[in-house]
Amino acid sequence: MQAAALSLYLTSDPALGRTAIEYFRLQNVVVDAAWDVSSGDDRARLDALTNAPVPEETRRARLALQDRIAATLVDPAAARALNDVVYMFHHPDTLAAWR
């Protein structure tokens, strides 16, 4: 995903003598995706350890991920889609479009 962001930036004919603000905006999407994937389990553990209420958005995201994981057991396309996200080939939002 980082390579795709860099390619998109460089093919947009940027002013290379200036700060690459647009590139960093594109890169922010990649960084946010990486943190979402890597920190999901940590957030779940913190809820369990502190008995903190689980925000509705987090609860829904967990249920959706559980559904996707269950689907990987019976559907090779689902397994590939999830692996592509875990290995950062695709953005996590691509799982929302997969059915």
PDB file of N, CA and C in Angstrom:
ATOM      1  N   MET A   1       0.822  -1.190   0.000  1.00  0.00           N
ATOM      2  CA  MET A   1       0.000   0.000   0.000  1.00  0.00           C
ATOM      3  C   MET A   1       0.871   1.260   0.000  1.00  0.00           C
ATOM      4  N   GLN A   2       2.018   1.194   0.657  1.00  0.00           N
ATOM      5  CA  GLN A   2       2.911   2.350   0.638  1.00  0.00           C
ATOM      6  C   GLN A   2       3.450   2.599  -0.768  1.00  0.00           C
ATOM      7  N   ALA A   3       3.782   1.528  -1.459  1.00  0.00           N
ATOM      8  CA  ALA A   3       4.273   1.681  -2.828  1.00  0.00           C
ATOM      9  C   ALA A   3       3.190   2.267  -3.721  1.00  0.00           C
ATOM     10  N   ALA A   4       1.950   1.855  -3.522  1.00  0.00           N
ATOM     11  CA  ALA A   4       0.853   2.393  -4.323  1.00  0.00           C
ATOM     12  C   ALA A   4       0.666   3.885  -4.035  1.00  0.00           C
ATOM     13  N   ALA A   5       0.787   4.291  -2.773  1.00  0.00           N
ATOM     14  CA  ALA A   5       0.665   5.707  -2.426  1.00  0.00           C
ATOM     15  C   ALA A   5       1.780   6.516  -3.070  1.00  0.00           C
ATOM     16  N   LEU A   6       2.998   5.997  -3.024  1.00  0.00           N
ATOM     17  CA  LEU A   6       4.119   6.695  -3.640  1.00  0.00           C
ATOM     18  C   LEU A   6       3.942   6.775  -5.154  1.00  0.00           C
ATOM     19  N   SER A   7       3.505   5.692  -5.767  1.00  0.00           N
ATOM     20  CA  SER A   7       3.281   5.698  -7.213  1.00  0.00           C
ATOM     21  C   SER A   7       2.209   6.713  -7.598  1.00  0.00           C
ATOM     22  N   LEU A   8       1.123   6.732  -6.851  1.00  0.00           N
ATOM     23  CA  LEU A   8       0.048   7.685  -7.131  1.00  0.00           C
ATOM     24  C   LEU A   8       0.561   9.116  -7.020  1.00  0.00           C
ATOM     25  N   TYR A   9       1.342   9.373  -6.001  1.00  0.00           N
ATOM     26  CA  TYR A   9       1.902  10.712  -5.818  1.00  0.00           C
ATOM     27  C   TYR A   9       2.838  11.088  -6.966  1.00  0.00           C
ATOM     28  N   LEU A  10       3.763  10.196  -7.296  1.00  0.00           N
ATOM     29  CA  LEU A  10       4.751  10.519  -8.324  1.00  0.00           C
ATOM     30  C   LEU A  10       4.149  10.635  -9.716  1.00  0.00           C
ATOM     31  N   THR A  11       3.106   9.885  -9.997  1.00  0.00           N
ATOM     32  CA  THR A  11       2.476   9.984 -11.323  1.00  0.00           C
ATOM     33  C   THR A  11       1.523  11.171 -11.432  1.00  0.00           C
ATOM     34  N   SER A  12       1.316  11.895 -10.330  1.00  0.00           N
ATOM     35  CA  SER A  12       0.443  13.070 -10.379  1.00  0.00           C
ATOM     36  C   SER A  12       1.220  14.338 -10.755  1.00  0.00           C
ATOM     37  N   ASP A  13       2.486  14.168 -11.183  1.00  0.00           N
ATOM     38  CA  ASP A  13       3.346  15.276 -11.596  1.00  0.00           C
ATOM     39  C   ASP A  13       3.494  16.313 -10.479  1.00  0.00           C
ATOM     40  N   PRO A  14       3.997  15.868  -9.316  1.00  0.00           N
ATOM     41  CA  PRO A  14       4.114  16.784  -8.181  1.00  0.00           C
ATOM     42  C   PRO A  14       5.257  17.776  -8.365  1.00  0.00           C
ATOM     43  N   ALA A  15       5.186  18.868  -7.627  1.00  0.00           N
ATOM     44  CA  ALA A  15       6.286  19.833  -7.595  1.00  0.00           C
ATOM     45  C   ALA A  15       7.331  19.273  -6.637  1.00  0.00           C
ATOM     46  N   LEU A  16       8.343  18.625  -7.178  1.00  0.00           N
ATOM     47  CA  LEU A  16       9.306  17.900  -6.355  1.00  0.00           C
ATOM     48  C   LEU A  16      10.184  18.812  -5.503  1.00  0.00           C
ATOM     49  N   GLY A  17      10.199  20.085  -5.790  1.00  0.00           N
ATOM     50  CA  GLY A  17      10.979  21.027  -4.998  1.00  0.00           C
ATOM     51  C   GLY A  17      10.252  21.501  -3.753  1.00  0.00           C
ATOM     52  N   ARG A  18       9.017  21.088  -3.579  1.00  0.00           N
ATOM     53  CA  ARG A  18       8.217  21.512  -2.424  1.00  0.00           C
ATOM     54  C   ARG A  18       7.963  20.350  -1.484  1.00  0.00           C
ATOM     55  N   THR A  19       7.472  20.685  -0.309  1.00  0.00           N
ATOM     56  CA  THR A  19       7.104  19.654   0.658  1.00  0.00           C
ATOM     57  C   THR A  19       6.034  18.755   0.054  1.00  0.00           C
ATOM     58  N   ALA A  20       6.163  17.487   0.276  1.00  0.00           N
ATOM     59  CA  ALA A  20       5.264  16.492  -0.322  1.00  0.00           C
ATOM     60  C   ALA A  20       4.011  16.295   0.526  1.00  0.00           C
ATOM     61  N   ILE A  21       3.278  17.364   0.754  1.00  0.00           N
ATOM     62  CA  ILE A  21       2.095  17.305   1.619  1.00  0.00           C
ATOM     63  C   ILE A  21       1.080  16.299   1.087  1.00  0.00           C
ATOM     64  N   GLU A  22       0.864  16.275  -0.206  1.00  0.00           N
ATOM     65  CA  GLU A  22      -0.104  15.333  -0.779  1.00  0.00           C
ATOM     66  C   GLU A  22       0.350  13.891  -0.564  1.00  0.00           C
ATOM     67  N   TYR A  23       1.649  13.642  -0.699  1.00  0.00           N
ATOM     68  CA  TYR A  23       2.147  12.286  -0.451  1.00  0.00           C
ATOM     69  C   TYR A  23       1.892  11.882   1.002  1.00  0.00           C
ATOM     70  N   PHE A  24       2.144  12.781   1.925  1.00  0.00           N
ATOM     71  CA  PHE A  24       1.926  12.452   3.332  1.00  0.00           C
ATOM     72  C   PHE A  24       0.444  12.240   3.637  1.00  0.00           C
ATOM     73  N   ARG A  25      -0.426  12.945   2.926  1.00  0.00           N
ATOM     74  CA  ARG A  25      -1.862  12.709   3.091  1.00  0.00           C
ATOM     75  C   ARG A  25      -2.209  11.300   2.621  1.00  0.00           C
ATOM     76  N   LEU A  26      -1.664  10.891   1.478  1.00  0.00           N
ATOM     77  CA  LEU A  26      -1.885   9.536   0.976  1.00  0.00           C
ATOM     78  C   LEU A  26      -1.287   8.505   1.935  1.00  0.00           C
ATOM     79  N   GLN A  27      -0.119   8.785   2.445  1.00  0.00           N
ATOM     80  CA  GLN A  27       0.562   7.876   3.354  1.00  0.00           C
ATOM     81  C   GLN A  27      -0.209   7.734   4.664  1.00  0.00           C
ATOM     82  N   ASN A  28      -0.893   8.771   5.081  1.00  0.00           N
ATOM     83  CA  ASN A  28      -1.680   8.727   6.314  1.00  0.00           C
ATOM     84  C   ASN A  28      -2.742   7.627   6.247  1.00  0.00           C
ATOM     85  N   VAL A  29      -3.328   7.423   5.088  1.00  0.00           N
ATOM     86  CA  VAL A  29      -4.317   6.357   4.911  1.00  0.00           C
ATOM     87  C   VAL A  29      -3.673   4.995   5.175  1.00  0.00           C
ATOM     88  N   VAL A  30      -2.443   4.820   4.698  1.00  0.00           N
ATOM     89  CA  VAL A  30      -1.722   3.562   4.891  1.00  0.00           C
ATOM     90  C   VAL A  30      -1.399   3.358   6.369  1.00  0.00           C
ATOM     91  N   VAL A  31      -0.910   4.391   7.008  1.00  0.00           N
ATOM     92  CA  VAL A  31      -0.535   4.293   8.420  1.00  0.00           C
ATOM     93  C   VAL A  31      -1.765   4.009   9.276  1.00  0.00           C
ATOM     94  N   ASP A  32      -2.861   4.703   9.012  1.00  0.00           N
ATOM     95  CA  ASP A  32      -4.090   4.453   9.775  1.00  0.00           C
ATOM     96  C   ASP A  32      -4.555   3.010   9.617  1.00  0.00           C
ATOM     97  N   ALA A  33      -4.482   2.492   8.404  1.00  0.00           N
ATOM     98  CA  ALA A  33      -4.890   1.103   8.161  1.00  0.00           C
ATOM     99  C   ALA A  33      -4.007   0.134   8.937  1.00  0.00           C
ATOM    100  N   ALA A  34      -2.711   0.374   8.927  1.00  0.00           N
ATOM    101  CA  ALA A  34      -1.788  -0.502   9.648  1.00  0.00           C
ATOM    102  C   ALA A  34      -2.083  -0.491  11.146  1.00  0.00           C
ATOM    103  N   TRP A  35      -2.334   0.680  11.698  1.00  0.00           N
ATOM    104  CA  TRP A  35      -2.641   0.765  13.128  1.00  0.00           C
ATOM    105  C   TRP A  35      -3.969   0.104  13.452  1.00  0.00           C
ATOM    106  N   ASP A  36      -4.953   0.268  12.590  1.00  0.00           N
ATOM    107  CA  ASP A  36      -6.252  -0.384  12.833  1.00  0.00           C
ATOM    108  C   ASP A  36      -6.103  -1.897  12.878  1.00  0.00           C
ATOM    109  N   VAL A  37      -5.348  -2.444  11.940  1.00  0.00           N
ATOM    110  CA  VAL A  37      -5.162  -3.896  11.891  1.00  0.00           C
ATOM    111  C   VAL A  37      -4.366  -4.381  13.099  1.00  0.00           C
ATOM    112  N   SER A  38      -3.295  -3.669  13.428  1.00  0.00           N
ATOM    113  CA  SER A  38      -2.410  -4.159  14.487  1.00  0.00           C
ATOM    114  C   SER A  38      -2.929  -3.887  15.890  1.00  0.00           C
ATOM    115  N   SER A  39      -3.801  -2.920  16.062  1.00  0.00           N
ATOM    116  CA  SER A  39      -4.239  -2.568  17.421  1.00  0.00           C
ATOM    117  C   SER A  39      -5.607  -3.117  17.792  1.00  0.00           C
ATOM    118  N   GLY A  40      -6.291  -3.774  16.876  1.00  0.00           N
ATOM    119  CA  GLY A  40      -7.633  -4.279  17.155  1.00  0.00           C
ATOM    120  C   GLY A  40      -7.677  -5.231  18.335  1.00  0.00           C
ATOM    121  N   ASP A  41      -6.767  -6.176  18.388  1.00  0.00           N
ATOM    122  CA  ASP A  41      -6.732  -7.117  19.512  1.00  0.00           C
ATOM    123  C   ASP A  41      -6.381  -6.418  20.814  1.00  0.00           C
ATOM    124  N   ASP A  42      -5.502  -5.427  20.751  1.00  0.00           N
ATOM    125  CA  ASP A  42      -5.135  -4.701  21.967  1.00  0.00           C
ATOM    126  C   ASP A  42      -6.345  -3.989  22.553  1.00  0.00           C
ATOM    127  N   ARG A  43      -7.150  -3.368  21.684  1.00  0.00           N
ATOM    128  CA  ARG A  43      -8.350  -2.687  22.182  1.00  0.00           C
ATOM    129  C   ARG A  43      -9.296  -3.679  22.837  1.00  0.00           C
ATOM    130  N   ALA A  44      -9.420  -4.859  22.260  1.00  0.00           N
ATOM    131  CA  ALA A  44     -10.303  -5.876  22.836  1.00  0.00           C
ATOM    132  C   ALA A  44      -9.803  -6.296  24.220  1.00  0.00           C
ATOM    133  N   ARG A  45      -8.512  -6.462  24.356  1.00  0.00           N
ATOM    134  CA  ARG A  45      -7.956  -6.866  25.652  1.00  0.00           C
ATOM    135  C   ARG A  45      -8.148  -5.777  26.698  1.00  0.00           C
ATOM    136  N   LEU A  46      -7.963  -4.515  26.304  1.00  0.00           N
ATOM    137  CA  LEU A  46      -8.138  -3.427  27.264  1.00  0.00           C
ATOM    138  C   LEU A  46      -9.573  -3.376  27.777  1.00  0.00           C
ATOM    139  N   ASP A  47     -10.530  -3.604  26.902  1.00  0.00           N
ATOM    140  CA  ASP A  47     -11.929  -3.634  27.341  1.00  0.00           C
ATOM    141  C   ASP A  47     -12.129  -4.726  28.376  1.00  0.00           C
ATOM    142  N   ALA A  48     -11.549  -5.890  28.110  1.00  0.00           N
ATOM    143  CA  ALA A  48     -11.713  -7.028  29.015  1.00  0.00           C
ATOM    144  C   ALA A  48     -11.018  -6.776  30.347  1.00  0.00           C
ATOM    145  N   LEU A  49      -9.843  -6.187  30.323  1.00  0.00           N
ATOM    146  CA  LEU A  49      -9.078  -5.969  31.552  1.00  0.00           C
ATOM    147  C   LEU A  49      -9.671  -4.889  32.441  1.00  0.00           C
ATOM    148  N   THR A  50     -10.220  -3.860  31.838  1.00  0.00           N
ATOM    149  CA  THR A  50     -10.691  -2.708  32.616  1.00  0.00           C
ATOM    150  C   THR A  50     -12.204  -2.685  32.794  1.00  0.00           C
ATOM    151  N   ASN A  51     -12.892  -3.646  32.190  1.00  0.00           N
ATOM    152  CA  ASN A  51     -14.363  -3.655  32.201  1.00  0.00           C
ATOM    153  C   ASN A  51     -14.950  -2.368  31.626  1.00  0.00           C
ATOM    154  N   ALA A  52     -14.203  -1.752  30.728  1.00  0.00           N
ATOM    155  CA  ALA A  52     -14.674  -0.526  30.087  1.00  0.00           C
ATOM    156  C   ALA A  52     -15.794  -0.865  29.109  1.00  0.00           C
ATOM    157  N   PRO A  53     -16.745   0.023  28.961  1.00  0.00           N
ATOM    158  CA  PRO A  53     -17.792  -0.227  27.961  1.00  0.00           C
ATOM    159  C   PRO A  53     -17.197  -0.224  26.558  1.00  0.00           C
ATOM    160  N   VAL A  54     -17.711  -1.087  25.723  1.00  0.00           N
ATOM    161  CA  VAL A  54     -17.221  -1.193  24.355  1.00  0.00           C
ATOM    162  C   VAL A  54     -18.027  -0.232  23.484  1.00  0.00           C
ATOM    163  N   PRO A  55     -17.350   0.709  22.814  1.00  0.00           N
ATOM    164  CA  PRO A  55     -18.080   1.614  21.915  1.00  0.00           C
ATOM    165  C   PRO A  55     -18.800   0.823  20.820  1.00  0.00           C
ATOM    166  N   GLU A  56     -19.938   1.317  20.412  1.00  0.00           N
ATOM    167  CA  GLU A  56     -20.747   0.635  19.400  1.00  0.00           C
ATOM    168  C   GLU A  56     -19.958   0.377  18.118  1.00  0.00           C
ATOM    169  N   GLU A  57     -19.180   1.340  17.690  1.00  0.00           N
ATOM    170  CA  GLU A  57     -18.385   1.173  16.461  1.00  0.00           C
ATOM    171  C   GLU A  57     -17.394   0.021  16.615  1.00  0.00           C
ATOM    172  N   THR A  58     -16.768  -0.085  17.769  1.00  0.00           N
ATOM    173  CA  THR A  58     -15.820  -1.166  18.024  1.00  0.00           C
ATOM    174  C   THR A  58     -16.543  -2.507  18.066  1.00  0.00           C
ATOM    175  N   ARG A  59     -17.689  -2.544  18.710  1.00  0.00           N
ATOM    176  CA  ARG A  59     -18.466  -3.783  18.796  1.00  0.00           C
ATOM    177  C   ARG A  59     -18.853  -4.273  17.409  1.00  0.00           C
ATOM    178  N   ARG A  60     -19.322  -3.358  16.570  1.00  0.00           N
ATOM    179  CA  ARG A  60     -19.697  -3.738  15.204  1.00  0.00           C
ATOM    180  C   ARG A  60     -18.495  -4.212  14.394  1.00  0.00           C
ATOM    181  N   ALA A  61     -17.386  -3.524  14.552  1.00  0.00           N
ATOM    182  CA  ALA A  61     -16.178  -3.919  13.819  1.00  0.00           C
ATOM    183  C   ALA A  61     -15.734  -5.315  14.240  1.00  0.00           C
ATOM    184  N   ARG A  62     -15.815  -5.622  15.520  1.00  0.00           N
ATOM    185  CA  ARG A  62     -15.437  -6.954  15.998  1.00  0.00           C
ATOM    186  C   ARG A  62     -16.367  -8.031  15.436  1.00  0.00           C
ATOM    187  N   LEU A  63     -17.657  -7.754  15.439  1.00  0.00           N
ATOM    188  CA  LEU A  63     -18.611  -8.728  14.892  1.00  0.00           C
ATOM    189  C   LEU A  63     -18.367  -8.957  13.406  1.00  0.00           C
ATOM    190  N   ALA A  64     -18.109  -7.885  12.688  1.00  0.00           N
ATOM    191  CA  ALA A  64     -17.847  -8.015  11.251  1.00  0.00           C
ATOM    192  C   ALA A  64     -16.585  -8.836  11.008  1.00  0.00           C
ATOM    193  N   LEU A  65     -15.558  -8.590  11.805  1.00  0.00           N
ATOM    194  CA  LEU A  65     -14.323  -9.351  11.634  1.00  0.00           C
ATOM    195  C   LEU A  65     -14.531 -10.821  11.981  1.00  0.00           C
ATOM    196  N   GLN A  66     -15.295 -11.096  13.030  1.00  0.00           N
ATOM    197  CA  GLN A  66     -15.592 -12.486  13.377  1.00  0.00           C
ATOM    198  C   GLN A  66     -16.311 -13.190  12.231  1.00  0.00           C
ATOM    199  N   ASP A  67     -17.251 -12.490  11.592  1.00  0.00           N
ATOM    200  CA  ASP A  67     -17.947 -13.061  10.432  1.00  0.00           C
ATOM    201  C   ASP A  67     -16.973 -13.348   9.291  1.00  0.00           C
ATOM    202  N   ARG A  68     -16.067 -12.408   9.038  1.00  0.00           N
ATOM    203  CA  ARG A  68     -15.093 -12.591   7.957  1.00  0.00           C
ATOM    204  C   ARG A  68     -14.172 -13.776   8.260  1.00  0.00           C
ATOM    205  N   ILE A  69     -13.740 -13.879   9.504  1.00  0.00           N
ATOM    206  CA  ILE A  69     -12.858 -14.985   9.881  1.00  0.00           C
ATOM    207  C   ILE A  69     -13.587 -16.316   9.740  1.00  0.00           C
ATOM    208  N   ALA A  70     -14.839 -16.386  10.183  1.00  0.00           N
ATOM    209  CA  ALA A  70     -15.618 -17.616  10.037  1.00  0.00           C
ATOM    210  C   ALA A  70     -15.757 -17.994   8.562  1.00  0.00           C
ATOM    211  N   ALA A  71     -15.944 -17.007   7.713  1.00  0.00           N
ATOM    212  CA  ALA A  71     -16.094 -17.271   6.275  1.00  0.00           C
ATOM    213  C   ALA A  71     -14.816 -17.853   5.674  1.00  0.00           C
ATOM    214  N   THR A  72     -13.661 -17.496   6.227  1.00  0.00           N
ATOM    215  CA  THR A  72     -12.410 -18.007   5.670  1.00  0.00           C
ATOM    216  C   THR A  72     -12.274 -19.514   5.819  1.00  0.00           C
ATOM    217  N   LEU A  73     -13.025 -20.083   6.741  1.00  0.00           N
ATOM    218  CA  LEU A  73     -12.950 -21.528   6.960  1.00  0.00           C
ATOM    219  C   LEU A  73     -13.631 -22.324   5.854  1.00  0.00           C
ATOM    220  N   VAL A  74     -14.550 -21.689   5.137  1.00  0.00           N
ATOM    221  CA  VAL A  74     -15.310 -22.407   4.113  1.00  0.00           C
ATOM    222  C   VAL A  74     -15.201 -21.785   2.722  1.00  0.00           C
ATOM    223  N   ASP A  75     -14.577 -20.609   2.623  1.00  0.00           N
ATOM    224  CA  ASP A  75     -14.542 -19.902   1.346  1.00  0.00           C
ATOM    225  C   ASP A  75     -13.121 -19.421   1.052  1.00  0.00           C
ATOM    226  N   PRO A  76     -12.459 -20.035   0.067  1.00  0.00           N
ATOM    227  CA  PRO A  76     -11.087 -19.621  -0.252  1.00  0.00           C
ATOM    228  C   PRO A  76     -10.978 -18.148  -0.664  1.00  0.00           C
ATOM    229  N   ALA A  77     -12.004 -17.611  -1.314  1.00  0.00           N
ATOM    230  CA  ALA A  77     -11.959 -16.192  -1.702  1.00  0.00           C
ATOM    231  C   ALA A  77     -11.972 -15.304  -0.462  1.00  0.00           C
ATOM    232  N   ALA A  78     -12.728 -15.699   0.541  1.00  0.00           N
ATOM    233  CA  ALA A  78     -12.754 -14.937   1.799  1.00  0.00           C
ATOM    234  C   ALA A  78     -11.397 -15.003   2.479  1.00  0.00           C
ATOM    235  N   ALA A  79     -10.773 -16.167   2.443  1.00  0.00           N
ATOM    236  CA  ALA A  79      -9.448 -16.318   3.047  1.00  0.00           C
ATOM    237  C   ALA A  79      -8.432 -15.428   2.339  1.00  0.00           C
ATOM    238  N   ARG A  80      -8.482 -15.386   1.019  1.00  0.00           N
ATOM    239  CA  ARG A  80      -7.558 -14.533   0.267  1.00  0.00           C
ATOM    240  C   ARG A  80      -7.796 -13.062   0.589  1.00  0.00           C
ATOM    241  N   ALA A  81      -9.065 -12.659   0.653  1.00  0.00           N
ATOM    242  CA  ALA A  81      -9.389 -11.258   0.942  1.00  0.00           C
ATOM    243  C   ALA A  81      -8.867 -10.852   2.318  1.00  0.00           C
ATOM    244  N   LEU A  82      -9.059 -11.702   3.308  1.00  0.00           N
ATOM    245  CA  LEU A  82      -8.581 -11.390   4.651  1.00  0.00           C
ATOM    246  C   LEU A  82      -7.050 -11.388   4.691  1.00  0.00           C
ATOM    247  N   ASN A  83      -6.422 -12.355   4.043  1.00  0.00           N
ATOM    248  CA  ASN A  83      -4.961 -12.374   3.997  1.00  0.00           C
ATOM    249  C   ASN A  83      -4.405 -11.125   3.325  1.00  0.00           C
ATOM    250  N   ASP A  84      -5.057 -10.659   2.275  1.00  0.00           N
ATOM    251  CA  ASP A  84      -4.591  -9.453   1.593  1.00  0.00           C
ATOM    252  C   ASP A  84      -4.611  -8.241   2.521  1.00  0.00           C
ATOM    253  N   VAL A  85      -5.567  -8.208   3.432  1.00  0.00           N
ATOM    254  CA  VAL A  85      -5.621  -7.116   4.402  1.00  0.00           C
ATOM    255  C   VAL A  85      -4.564  -7.316   5.489  1.00  0.00           C
ATOM    256  N   VAL A  86      -4.477  -8.517   6.022  1.00  0.00           N
ATOM    257  CA  VAL A  86      -3.513  -8.791   7.086  1.00  0.00           C
ATOM    258  C   VAL A  86      -2.083  -8.530   6.611  1.00  0.00           C
ATOM    259  N   TYR A  87      -1.779  -8.890   5.362  1.00  0.00           N
ATOM    260  CA  TYR A  87      -0.446  -8.678   4.819  1.00  0.00           C
ATOM    261  C   TYR A  87      -0.283  -7.302   4.175  1.00  0.00           C
ATOM    262  N   MET A  88      -1.262  -6.423   4.377  1.00  0.00           N
ATOM    263  CA  MET A  88      -1.227  -5.034   3.939  1.00  0.00           C
ATOM    264  C   MET A  88      -1.128  -4.849   2.429  1.00  0.00           C
ATOM    265  N   PHE A  89      -1.659  -5.814   1.677  1.00  0.00           N
ATOM    266  CA  PHE A  89      -1.758  -5.638   0.230  1.00  0.00           C
ATOM    267  C   PHE A  89      -2.976  -4.790  -0.113  1.00  0.00           C
ATOM    268  N   HIS A  90      -4.013  -4.882   0.717  1.00  0.00           N
ATOM    269  CA  HIS A  90      -5.232  -4.100   0.527  1.00  0.00           C
ATOM    270  C   HIS A  90      -5.620  -3.420   1.828  1.00  0.00           C
ATOM    271  N   HIS A  91      -6.343  -2.336   1.695  1.00  0.00           N
ATOM    272  CA  HIS A  91      -6.832  -1.568   2.843  1.00  0.00           C
ATOM    273  C   HIS A  91      -7.920  -2.368   3.556  1.00  0.00           C
ATOM    274  N   PRO A  92      -8.020  -2.274   4.882  1.00  0.00           N
ATOM    275  CA  PRO A  92      -9.071  -3.002   5.615  1.00  0.00           C
ATOM    276  C   PRO A  92     -10.489  -2.694   5.125  1.00  0.00           C
ATOM    277  N   ASP A  93     -10.700  -1.511   4.594  1.00  0.00           N
ATOM    278  CA  ASP A  93     -12.041  -1.168   4.093  1.00  0.00           C
ATOM    279  C   ASP A  93     -12.484  -2.074   2.955  1.00  0.00           C
ATOM    280  N   THR A  94     -11.539  -2.742   2.281  1.00  0.00           N
ATOM    281  CA  THR A  94     -11.927  -3.634   1.190  1.00  0.00           C
ATOM    282  C   THR A  94     -12.738  -4.820   1.703  1.00  0.00           C
ATOM    283  N   LEU A  95     -12.584  -5.165   2.973  1.00  0.00           N
ATOM    284  CA  LEU A  95     -13.375  -6.274   3.529  1.00  0.00           C
ATOM    285  C   LEU A  95     -14.850  -5.917   3.615  1.00  0.00           C
ATOM    286  N   ALA A  96     -15.157  -4.635   3.773  1.00  0.00           N
ATOM    287  CA  ALA A  96     -16.554  -4.216   3.845  1.00  0.00           C
ATOM    288  C   ALA A  96     -17.266  -4.454   2.517  1.00  0.00           C
ATOM    289  N   ALA A  97     -16.520  -4.371   1.419  1.00  0.00           N
ATOM    290  CA  ALA A  97     -17.127  -4.584   0.098  1.00  0.00           C
ATOM    291  C   ALA A  97     -17.244  -6.054  -0.253  1.00  0.00           C
ATOM    292  N   TRP A  98     -16.452  -6.897   0.424  1.00  0.00           N
ATOM    293  CA  TRP A  98     -16.474  -8.345   0.128  1.00  0.00           C
ATOM    294  C   TRP A  98     -17.703  -8.981   0.757  1.00  0.00           C
ATOM    295  N   ARG A  99     -18.325  -9.847   0.027  1.00  0.00           N
ATOM    296  CA  ARG A  99     -19.504 -10.551   0.571  1.00  0.00           C
ATOM    297  C   ARG A  99     -19.364 -12.025   0.299  1.00  0.00           C
TER     298      ARG A  99
END
